[in-house]
């Protein structure tokens, strides 16, 4: 009978490992073509997403420059400097 919390952790880890091995060996086999298709689709989606993030970053940079220019212009019209 386990006497400490660590003993319970070791027992749960051992049972989980045994279960994983049994499921891996005797469980249903996956088709590798499906895995290749999923990886390909995910790669394409991540590439498109990174392109969109770059575009958004550029737009935000441009907008911040425009805002800074507008603030400077307003400050000049008001006769003060920022």
C-alpha atoms as a PDB file:
ATOM      1  CA  UNK A   1       0.000   0.000   0.000  1.00  0.00           C
ATOM      2  CA  UNK A   2       1.474   3.352  -1.052  1.00  0.00           C
ATOM      3  CA  UNK A   3       2.386   5.558   1.861  1.00  0.00           C
ATOM      4  CA  UNK A   4       3.115   8.903   0.232  1.00  0.00           C
ATOM      5  CA  UNK A   5       1.878  11.114  -2.575  1.00  0.00           C
ATOM      6  CA  UNK A   6       4.966  10.283  -4.646  1.00  0.00           C
ATOM      7  CA  UNK A   7       4.071   6.589  -4.527  1.00  0.00           C
ATOM      8  CA  UNK A   8       0.633   7.378  -5.945  1.00  0.00           C
ATOM      9  CA  UNK A   9       2.251   9.419  -8.722  1.00  0.00           C
ATOM     10  CA  UNK A  10       4.604   6.596  -9.649  1.00  0.00           C
ATOM     11  CA  UNK A  11       1.703   4.113  -9.674  1.00  0.00           C
ATOM     12  CA  UNK A  12      -0.443   6.358 -11.894  1.00  0.00           C
ATOM     13  CA  UNK A  13       2.480   6.960 -14.263  1.00  0.00           C
ATOM     14  CA  UNK A  14       3.150   3.210 -14.510  1.00  0.00           C
ATOM     15  CA  UNK A  15      -0.506   2.434 -15.232  1.00  0.00           C
ATOM     16  CA  UNK A  16      -0.654   5.192 -17.820  1.00  0.00           C
ATOM     17  CA  UNK A  17       2.505   3.923 -19.516  1.00  0.00           C
ATOM     18  CA  UNK A  18       1.188   0.353 -19.643  1.00  0.00           C
ATOM     19  CA  UNK A  19      -2.134   1.580 -21.052  1.00  0.00           C
ATOM     20  CA  UNK A  20      -0.363   3.646 -23.710  1.00  0.00           C
ATOM     21  CA  UNK A  21       1.766   0.666 -24.802  1.00  0.00           C
ATOM     22  CA  UNK A  22      -1.273  -1.614 -25.026  1.00  0.00           C
ATOM     23  CA  UNK A  23      -3.274   0.902 -27.044  1.00  0.00           C
ATOM     24  CA  UNK A  24      -0.293   1.625 -29.323  1.00  0.00           C
ATOM     25  CA  UNK A  25       0.352  -2.039 -30.054  1.00  0.00           C
ATOM     26  CA  UNK A  26      -3.188  -3.379 -30.269  1.00  0.00           C
ATOM     27  CA  UNK A  27      -5.133  -0.267 -31.227  1.00  0.00           C
ATOM     28  CA  UNK A  28      -6.380   0.559 -34.707  1.00  0.00           C
ATOM     29  CA  UNK A  29      -3.696   1.537 -37.199  1.00  0.00           C
ATOM     30  CA  UNK A  30      -3.916   4.916 -38.876  1.00  0.00           C
ATOM     31  CA  UNK A  31      -3.513   5.469 -42.563  1.00  0.00           C
ATOM     32  CA  UNK A  32      -0.282   7.372 -43.228  1.00  0.00           C
ATOM     33  CA  UNK A  33      -1.827   9.102 -46.246  1.00  0.00           C
ATOM     34  CA  UNK A  34      -4.270  10.860 -43.952  1.00  0.00           C
ATOM     35  CA  UNK A  35      -1.407  12.024 -41.762  1.00  0.00           C
ATOM     36  CA  UNK A  36       0.516  13.358 -44.771  1.00  0.00           C
ATOM     37  CA  UNK A  37      -2.591  15.236 -45.970  1.00  0.00           C
ATOM     38  CA  UNK A  38      -3.204  16.727 -42.525  1.00  0.00           C
ATOM     39  CA  UNK A  39       0.418  17.872 -42.218  1.00  0.00           C
ATOM     40  CA  UNK A  40       0.295  19.365 -45.718  1.00  0.00           C
ATOM     41  CA  UNK A  41      -2.946  21.211 -45.000  1.00  0.00           C
ATOM     42  CA  UNK A  42      -1.644  22.505 -41.671  1.00  0.00           C
ATOM     43  CA  UNK A  43       1.589  23.684 -43.264  1.00  0.00           C
ATOM     44  CA  UNK A  44      -0.320  25.535 -45.971  1.00  0.00           C
ATOM     45  CA  UNK A  45      -2.656  27.107 -43.418  1.00  0.00           C
ATOM     46  CA  UNK A  46       0.229  28.229 -41.188  1.00  0.00           C
ATOM     47  CA  UNK A  47       2.036  29.729 -44.182  1.00  0.00           C
ATOM     48  CA  UNK A  48      -1.062  31.709 -45.153  1.00  0.00           C
ATOM     49  CA  UNK A  49      -1.573  32.789 -41.547  1.00  0.00           C
ATOM     50  CA  UNK A  50       2.007  34.012 -41.201  1.00  0.00           C
ATOM     51  CA  UNK A  51       1.603  35.998 -44.438  1.00  0.00           C
ATOM     52  CA  UNK A  52      -1.548  37.623 -43.086  1.00  0.00           C
ATOM     53  CA  UNK A  53       0.160  38.436 -39.785  1.00  0.00           C
ATOM     54  CA  UNK A  54       3.024  40.110 -41.660  1.00  0.00           C
ATOM     55  CA  UNK A  55       0.537  42.155 -43.691  1.00  0.00           C
ATOM     56  CA  UNK A  56      -1.336  43.211 -40.555  1.00  0.00           C
ATOM     57  CA  UNK A  57       1.928  44.169 -38.890  1.00  0.00           C
ATOM     58  CA  UNK A  58       2.851  46.357 -41.849  1.00  0.00           C
ATOM     59  CA  UNK A  59      -0.585  48.007 -41.831  1.00  0.00           C
ATOM     60  CA  UNK A  60      -0.318  48.717 -38.112  1.00  0.00           C
ATOM     61  CA  UNK A  61       3.136  50.223 -38.606  1.00  0.00           C
ATOM     62  CA  UNK A  62       1.828  52.463 -41.380  1.00  0.00           C
ATOM     63  CA  UNK A  63      -1.141  53.519 -39.278  1.00  0.00           C
ATOM     64  CA  UNK A  64       1.069  54.392 -36.322  1.00  0.00           C
ATOM     65  CA  UNK A  65       3.266  56.520 -38.606  1.00  0.00           C
ATOM     66  CA  UNK A  66       0.183  58.296 -39.944  1.00  0.00           C
ATOM     67  CA  UNK A  67      -1.100  58.950 -36.429  1.00  0.00           C
ATOM     68  CA  UNK A  68       2.278  60.351 -35.401  1.00  0.00           C
ATOM     69  CA  UNK A  69       2.254  62.659 -38.434  1.00  0.00           C
ATOM     70  CA  UNK A  70      -1.281  63.816 -37.638  1.00  0.00           C
ATOM     71  CA  UNK A  71      -0.348  64.552 -34.037  1.00  0.00           C
ATOM     72  CA  UNK A  72       2.641  66.562 -35.224  1.00  0.00           C
ATOM     73  CA  UNK A  73       0.476  68.471 -37.675  1.00  0.00           C
ATOM     74  CA  UNK A  74      -2.126  69.232 -34.993  1.00  0.00           C
ATOM     75  CA  UNK A  75       0.614  70.368 -32.621  1.00  0.00           C
ATOM     76  CA  UNK A  76       2.030  72.680 -35.300  1.00  0.00           C
ATOM     77  CA  UNK A  77      -1.418  74.184 -35.952  1.00  0.00           C
ATOM     78  CA  UNK A  78      -1.948  74.777 -32.261  1.00  0.00           C
ATOM     79  CA  UNK A  79       1.437  76.482 -31.983  1.00  0.00           C
ATOM     80  CA  UNK A  80       2.944  73.995 -29.569  1.00  0.00           C
ATOM     81  CA  UNK A  81       5.401  71.140 -29.985  1.00  0.00           C
ATOM     82  CA  UNK A  82       5.172  67.576 -28.765  1.00  0.00           C
END
